[in-house]
């Protein structure tokens, strides 16, 4: 049985949705991860330097 990497599994599950995917970036609860607000409408941008900016939308 072929084992999938995390990226392959995400692309296989979400690749047909025609939405942007941010892969291999630090997010979570422990440093150096950046927390993202769950269940909040937000605009997330990835710039060329790898900086992710989240703006909450009301």
PDB file of N, CA and C in Angstrom:
ATOM      1  N   UNK A   1       0.849  -1.179   0.000  1.00  0.00           N
ATOM      2  CA  UNK A   1       0.000   0.000   0.000  1.00  0.00           C
ATOM      3  C   UNK A   1       0.890   1.236   0.000  1.00  0.00           C
ATOM      4  N   UNK A   2       0.581   2.159  -0.867  1.00  0.00           N
ATOM      5  CA  UNK A   2       1.346   3.399  -0.963  1.00  0.00           C
ATOM      6  C   UNK A   2       0.991   4.314   0.202  1.00  0.00           C
ATOM      7  N   UNK A   3       2.010   4.772   0.916  1.00  0.00           N
ATOM      8  CA  UNK A   3       1.770   5.733   1.987  1.00  0.00           C
ATOM      9  C   UNK A   3       1.869   7.138   1.430  1.00  0.00           C
ATOM     10  N   UNK A   4       0.941   7.988   1.835  1.00  0.00           N
ATOM     11  CA  UNK A   4       0.914   9.362   1.364  1.00  0.00           C
ATOM     12  C   UNK A   4       1.625  10.272   2.359  1.00  0.00           C
ATOM     13  N   UNK A   5       2.287  11.288   1.840  1.00  0.00           N
ATOM     14  CA  UNK A   5       2.798  12.330   2.715  1.00  0.00           C
ATOM     15  C   UNK A   5       1.604  13.190   3.132  1.00  0.00           C
ATOM     16  N   UNK A   6       1.802  14.057   4.118  1.00  0.00           N
ATOM     17  CA  UNK A   6       0.720  14.939   4.534  1.00  0.00           C
ATOM     18  C   UNK A   6       0.281  15.825   3.372  1.00  0.00           C
ATOM     19  N   UNK A   7       1.244  16.357   2.617  1.00  0.00           N
ATOM     20  CA  UNK A   7       0.897  17.206   1.484  1.00  0.00           C
ATOM     21  C   UNK A   7       0.097  16.433   0.438  1.00  0.00           C
ATOM     22  N   UNK A   8       0.495  15.219   0.129  1.00  0.00           N
ATOM     23  CA  UNK A   8      -0.233  14.415  -0.860  1.00  0.00           C
ATOM     24  C   UNK A   8      -1.660  14.136  -0.392  1.00  0.00           C
ATOM     25  N   UNK A   9      -1.827  13.843   0.892  1.00  0.00           N
ATOM     26  CA  UNK A   9      -3.161  13.562   1.428  1.00  0.00           C
ATOM     27  C   UNK A   9      -4.060  14.795   1.354  1.00  0.00           C
ATOM     28  N   UNK A  10      -3.506  15.959   1.698  1.00  0.00           N
ATOM     29  CA  UNK A  10      -4.288  17.197   1.640  1.00  0.00           C
ATOM     30  C   UNK A  10      -4.649  17.512   0.198  1.00  0.00           C
ATOM     31  N   UNK A  11      -3.684  17.408  -0.698  1.00  0.00           N
ATOM     32  CA  UNK A  11      -3.974  17.692  -2.115  1.00  0.00           C
ATOM     33  C   UNK A  11      -5.011  16.709  -2.676  1.00  0.00           C
ATOM     34  N   UNK A  12      -4.933  15.463  -2.276  1.00  0.00           N
ATOM     35  CA  UNK A  12      -5.890  14.469  -2.761  1.00  0.00           C
ATOM     36  C   UNK A  12      -7.296  14.771  -2.221  1.00  0.00           C
ATOM     37  N   UNK A  13      -7.382  15.171  -0.960  1.00  0.00           N
ATOM     38  CA  UNK A  13      -8.682  15.421  -0.345  1.00  0.00           C
ATOM     39  C   UNK A  13      -9.289  16.751  -0.784  1.00  0.00           C
ATOM     40  N   UNK A  14      -8.461  17.784  -0.985  1.00  0.00           N
ATOM     41  CA  UNK A  14      -8.982  19.127  -1.234  1.00  0.00           C
ATOM     42  C   UNK A  14      -8.640  19.689  -2.610  1.00  0.00           C
ATOM     43  N   UNK A  15      -7.843  18.988  -3.373  1.00  0.00           N
ATOM     44  CA  UNK A  15      -7.339  19.516  -4.640  1.00  0.00           C
ATOM     45  C   UNK A  15      -8.391  19.857  -5.666  1.00  0.00           C
ATOM     46  N   UNK A  16      -9.546  19.208  -5.647  1.00  0.00           N
ATOM     47  CA  UNK A  16     -10.593  19.469  -6.630  1.00  0.00           C
ATOM     48  C   UNK A  16     -11.524  20.604  -6.227  1.00  0.00           C
ATOM     49  N   UNK A  17     -11.309  21.224  -5.082  1.00  0.00           N
ATOM     50  CA  UNK A  17     -12.220  22.257  -4.592  1.00  0.00           C
ATOM     51  C   UNK A  17     -11.976  23.622  -5.206  1.00  0.00           C
ATOM     52  N   UNK A  18     -10.890  23.796  -5.930  1.00  0.00           N
ATOM     53  CA  UNK A  18     -10.558  25.079  -6.552  1.00  0.00           C
ATOM     54  C   UNK A  18     -10.482  26.198  -5.519  1.00  0.00           C
ATOM     55  N   UNK A  19      -9.793  25.906  -4.413  1.00  0.00           N
ATOM     56  CA  UNK A  19      -9.529  26.898  -3.364  1.00  0.00           C
ATOM     57  C   UNK A  19      -8.025  26.911  -3.121  1.00  0.00           C
ATOM     58  N   UNK A  20      -7.492  28.032  -2.650  1.00  0.00           N
ATOM     59  CA  UNK A  20      -6.051  28.063  -2.359  1.00  0.00           C
ATOM     60  C   UNK A  20      -5.730  27.192  -1.150  1.00  0.00           C
ATOM     61  N   UNK A  21      -4.577  26.558  -1.207  1.00  0.00           N
ATOM     62  CA  UNK A  21      -4.101  25.737  -0.088  1.00  0.00           C
ATOM     63  C   UNK A  21      -2.782  26.303   0.410  1.00  0.00           C
ATOM     64  N   UNK A  22      -2.680  26.543   1.704  1.00  0.00           N
ATOM     65  CA  UNK A  22      -1.419  26.934   2.326  1.00  0.00           C
ATOM     66  C   UNK A  22      -0.859  25.699   3.003  1.00  0.00           C
ATOM     67  N   UNK A  23       0.290  25.245   2.527  1.00  0.00           N
ATOM     68  CA  UNK A  23       0.890  24.027   3.063  1.00  0.00           C
ATOM     69  C   UNK A  23       2.254  24.332   3.652  1.00  0.00           C
ATOM     70  N   UNK A  24       2.634  23.561   4.644  1.00  0.00           N
ATOM     71  CA  UNK A  24       3.970  23.619   5.236  1.00  0.00           C
ATOM     72  C   UNK A  24       4.292  24.998   5.814  1.00  0.00           C
ATOM     73  N   UNK A  25       3.395  25.501   6.650  1.00  0.00           N
ATOM     74  CA  UNK A  25       3.675  26.743   7.354  1.00  0.00           C
ATOM     75  C   UNK A  25       3.396  26.519   8.835  1.00  0.00           C
ATOM     76  N   UNK A  26       4.050  27.315   9.664  1.00  0.00           N
ATOM     77  CA  UNK A  26       3.954  27.133  11.107  1.00  0.00           C
ATOM     78  C   UNK A  26       2.684  27.769  11.656  1.00  0.00           C
ATOM     79  N   UNK A  27       1.781  26.926  12.127  1.00  0.00           N
ATOM     80  CA  UNK A  27       0.585  27.393  12.809  1.00  0.00           C
ATOM     81  C   UNK A  27       0.272  26.400  13.919  1.00  0.00           C
ATOM     82  N   UNK A  28      -0.294  26.877  14.978  1.00  0.00           N
ATOM     83  CA  UNK A  28      -0.609  26.004  16.096  1.00  0.00           C
ATOM     84  C   UNK A  28      -0.522  26.731  17.420  1.00  0.00           C
ATOM     85  N   UNK A  29      -0.222  25.993  18.487  1.00  0.00           N
ATOM     86  CA  UNK A  29      -0.254  26.555  19.831  1.00  0.00           C
ATOM     87  C   UNK A  29       1.122  26.745  20.463  1.00  0.00           C
ATOM     88  N   UNK A  30       2.152  26.192  19.894  1.00  0.00           N
ATOM     89  CA  UNK A  30       3.489  26.273  20.479  1.00  0.00           C
ATOM     90  C   UNK A  30       4.409  27.083  19.573  1.00  0.00           C
ATOM     91  N   UNK A  31       5.294  27.899  20.158  1.00  0.00           N
ATOM     92  CA  UNK A  31       6.235  28.691  19.349  1.00  0.00           C
ATOM     93  C   UNK A  31       7.082  27.782  18.468  1.00  0.00           C
ATOM     94  N   UNK A  32       7.422  28.198  17.291  1.00  0.00           N
ATOM     95  CA  UNK A  32       7.232  29.513  16.681  1.00  0.00           C
ATOM     96  C   UNK A  32       5.954  29.622  15.870  1.00  0.00           C
ATOM     97  N   UNK A  33       4.982  28.780  16.126  1.00  0.00           N
ATOM     98  CA  UNK A  33       3.768  28.763  15.325  1.00  0.00           C
ATOM     99  C   UNK A  33       2.923  30.010  15.556  1.00  0.00           C
ATOM    100  N   UNK A  34       2.228  30.421  14.507  1.00  0.00           N
ATOM    101  CA  UNK A  34       1.311  31.546  14.569  1.00  0.00           C
ATOM    102  C   UNK A  34      -0.095  31.006  14.773  1.00  0.00           C
ATOM    103  N   UNK A  35      -0.822  31.464  15.801  1.00  0.00           N
ATOM    104  CA  UNK A  35      -2.196  30.999  15.980  1.00  0.00           C
ATOM    105  C   UNK A  35      -3.121  31.603  14.934  1.00  0.00           C
ATOM    106  N   UNK A  36      -4.032  30.806  14.427  1.00  0.00           N
ATOM    107  CA  UNK A  36      -5.092  31.283  13.544  1.00  0.00           C
ATOM    108  C   UNK A  36      -6.412  31.082  14.276  1.00  0.00           C
ATOM    109  N   UNK A  37      -7.333  32.009  14.143  1.00  0.00           N
ATOM    110  CA  UNK A  37      -8.604  31.945  14.853  1.00  0.00           C
ATOM    111  C   UNK A  37      -9.524  30.960  14.136  1.00  0.00           C
ATOM    112  N   UNK A  38      -9.955  29.919  14.849  1.00  0.00           N
ATOM    113  CA  UNK A  38     -10.871  28.931  14.277  1.00  0.00           C
ATOM    114  C   UNK A  38     -12.284  29.484  14.205  1.00  0.00           C
ATOM    115  N   UNK A  39     -13.017  29.083  13.199  1.00  0.00           N
ATOM    116  CA  UNK A  39     -14.423  29.457  13.003  1.00  0.00           C
ATOM    117  C   UNK A  39     -14.633  30.957  12.857  1.00  0.00           C
ATOM    118  N   UNK A  40     -13.637  31.689  12.413  1.00  0.00           N
ATOM    119  CA  UNK A  40     -13.770  33.125  12.182  1.00  0.00           C
ATOM    120  C   UNK A  40     -13.572  33.401  10.699  1.00  0.00           C
ATOM    121  N   UNK A  41     -14.367  34.315  10.165  1.00  0.00           N
ATOM    122  CA  UNK A  41     -14.140  34.742   8.788  1.00  0.00           C
ATOM    123  C   UNK A  41     -12.878  35.584   8.773  1.00  0.00           C
ATOM    124  N   UNK A  42     -12.001  35.295   7.853  1.00  0.00           N
ATOM    125  CA  UNK A  42     -10.732  36.019   7.818  1.00  0.00           C
ATOM    126  C   UNK A  42     -10.197  36.039   6.404  1.00  0.00           C
ATOM    127  N   UNK A  43      -9.333  36.999   6.180  1.00  0.00           N
ATOM    128  CA  UNK A  43      -8.566  37.059   4.944  1.00  0.00           C
ATOM    129  C   UNK A  43      -7.137  36.712   5.325  1.00  0.00           C
ATOM    130  N   UNK A  44      -6.572  35.711   4.683  1.00  0.00           N
ATOM    131  CA  UNK A  44      -5.214  35.278   4.970  1.00  0.00           C
ATOM    132  C   UNK A  44      -4.385  35.480   3.717  1.00  0.00           C
ATOM    133  N   UNK A  45      -3.272  36.171   3.852  1.00  0.00           N
ATOM    134  CA  UNK A  45      -2.391  36.431   2.708  1.00  0.00           C
ATOM    135  C   UNK A  45      -1.027  35.851   2.979  1.00  0.00           C
ATOM    136  N   UNK A  46      -0.432  35.320   1.943  1.00  0.00           N
ATOM    137  CA  UNK A  46       0.947  34.836   1.997  1.00  0.00           C
ATOM    138  C   UNK A  46       1.758  35.705   1.062  1.00  0.00           C
ATOM    139  N   UNK A  47       2.740  36.415   1.634  1.00  0.00           N
ATOM    140  CA  UNK A  47       3.554  37.266   0.762  1.00  0.00           C
ATOM    141  C   UNK A  47       4.773  36.489   0.289  1.00  0.00           C
ATOM    142  N   UNK A  48       5.555  37.076  -0.583  1.00  0.00           N
ATOM    143  CA  UNK A  48       6.709  36.400  -1.153  1.00  0.00           C
ATOM    144  C   UNK A  48       7.762  35.990  -0.151  1.00  0.00           C
ATOM    145  N   UNK A  49       7.804  36.644   1.005  1.00  0.00           N
ATOM    146  CA  UNK A  49       8.791  36.316   2.028  1.00  0.00           C
ATOM    147  C   UNK A  49       8.332  35.249   2.991  1.00  0.00           C
ATOM    148  N   UNK A  50       7.156  34.691   2.772  1.00  0.00           N
ATOM    149  CA  UNK A  50       6.661  33.638   3.641  1.00  0.00           C
ATOM    150  C   UNK A  50       5.885  34.142   4.850  1.00  0.00           C
ATOM    151  N   UNK A  51       5.584  35.440   4.904  1.00  0.00           N
ATOM    152  CA  UNK A  51       4.825  36.007   6.008  1.00  0.00           C
ATOM    153  C   UNK A  51       3.345  35.795   5.763  1.00  0.00           C
ATOM    154  N   UNK A  52       2.653  35.289   6.766  1.00  0.00           N
ATOM    155  CA  UNK A  52       1.210  35.084   6.668  1.00  0.00           C
ATOM    156  C   UNK A  52       0.539  36.138   7.535  1.00  0.00           C
ATOM    157  N   UNK A  53      -0.427  36.850   6.958  1.00  0.00           N
ATOM    158  CA  UNK A  53      -1.154  37.891   7.672  1.00  0.00           C
ATOM    159  C   UNK A  53      -2.616  37.508   7.692  1.00  0.00           C
ATOM    160  N   UNK A  54      -3.227  37.525   8.890  1.00  0.00           N
ATOM    161  CA  UNK A  54      -4.650  37.202   9.029  1.00  0.00           C
ATOM    162  C   UNK A  54      -5.381  38.457   9.488  1.00  0.00           C
ATOM    163  N   UNK A  55      -6.412  38.841   8.746  1.00  0.00           N
ATOM    164  CA  UNK A  55      -7.275  39.965   9.112  1.00  0.00           C
ATOM    165  C   UNK A  55      -8.679  39.408   9.338  1.00  0.00           C
ATOM    166  N   UNK A  56      -9.212  39.606  10.549  1.00  0.00           N
ATOM    167  CA  UNK A  56     -10.576  39.144  10.820  1.00  0.00           C
ATOM    168  C   UNK A  56     -11.563  40.036  10.087  1.00  0.00           C
ATOM    169  N   UNK A  57     -12.606  39.416   9.557  1.00  0.00           N
ATOM    170  CA  UNK A  57     -13.620  40.116   8.792  1.00  0.00           C
ATOM    171  C   UNK A  57     -14.915  40.047   9.582  1.00  0.00           C
ATOM    172  N   UNK A  58     -15.554  41.191   9.770  1.00  0.00           N
ATOM    173  CA  UNK A  58     -16.807  41.176  10.539  1.00  0.00           C
ATOM    174  C   UNK A  58     -18.007  41.132   9.634  1.00  0.00           C
TER     175      UNK A  58
END
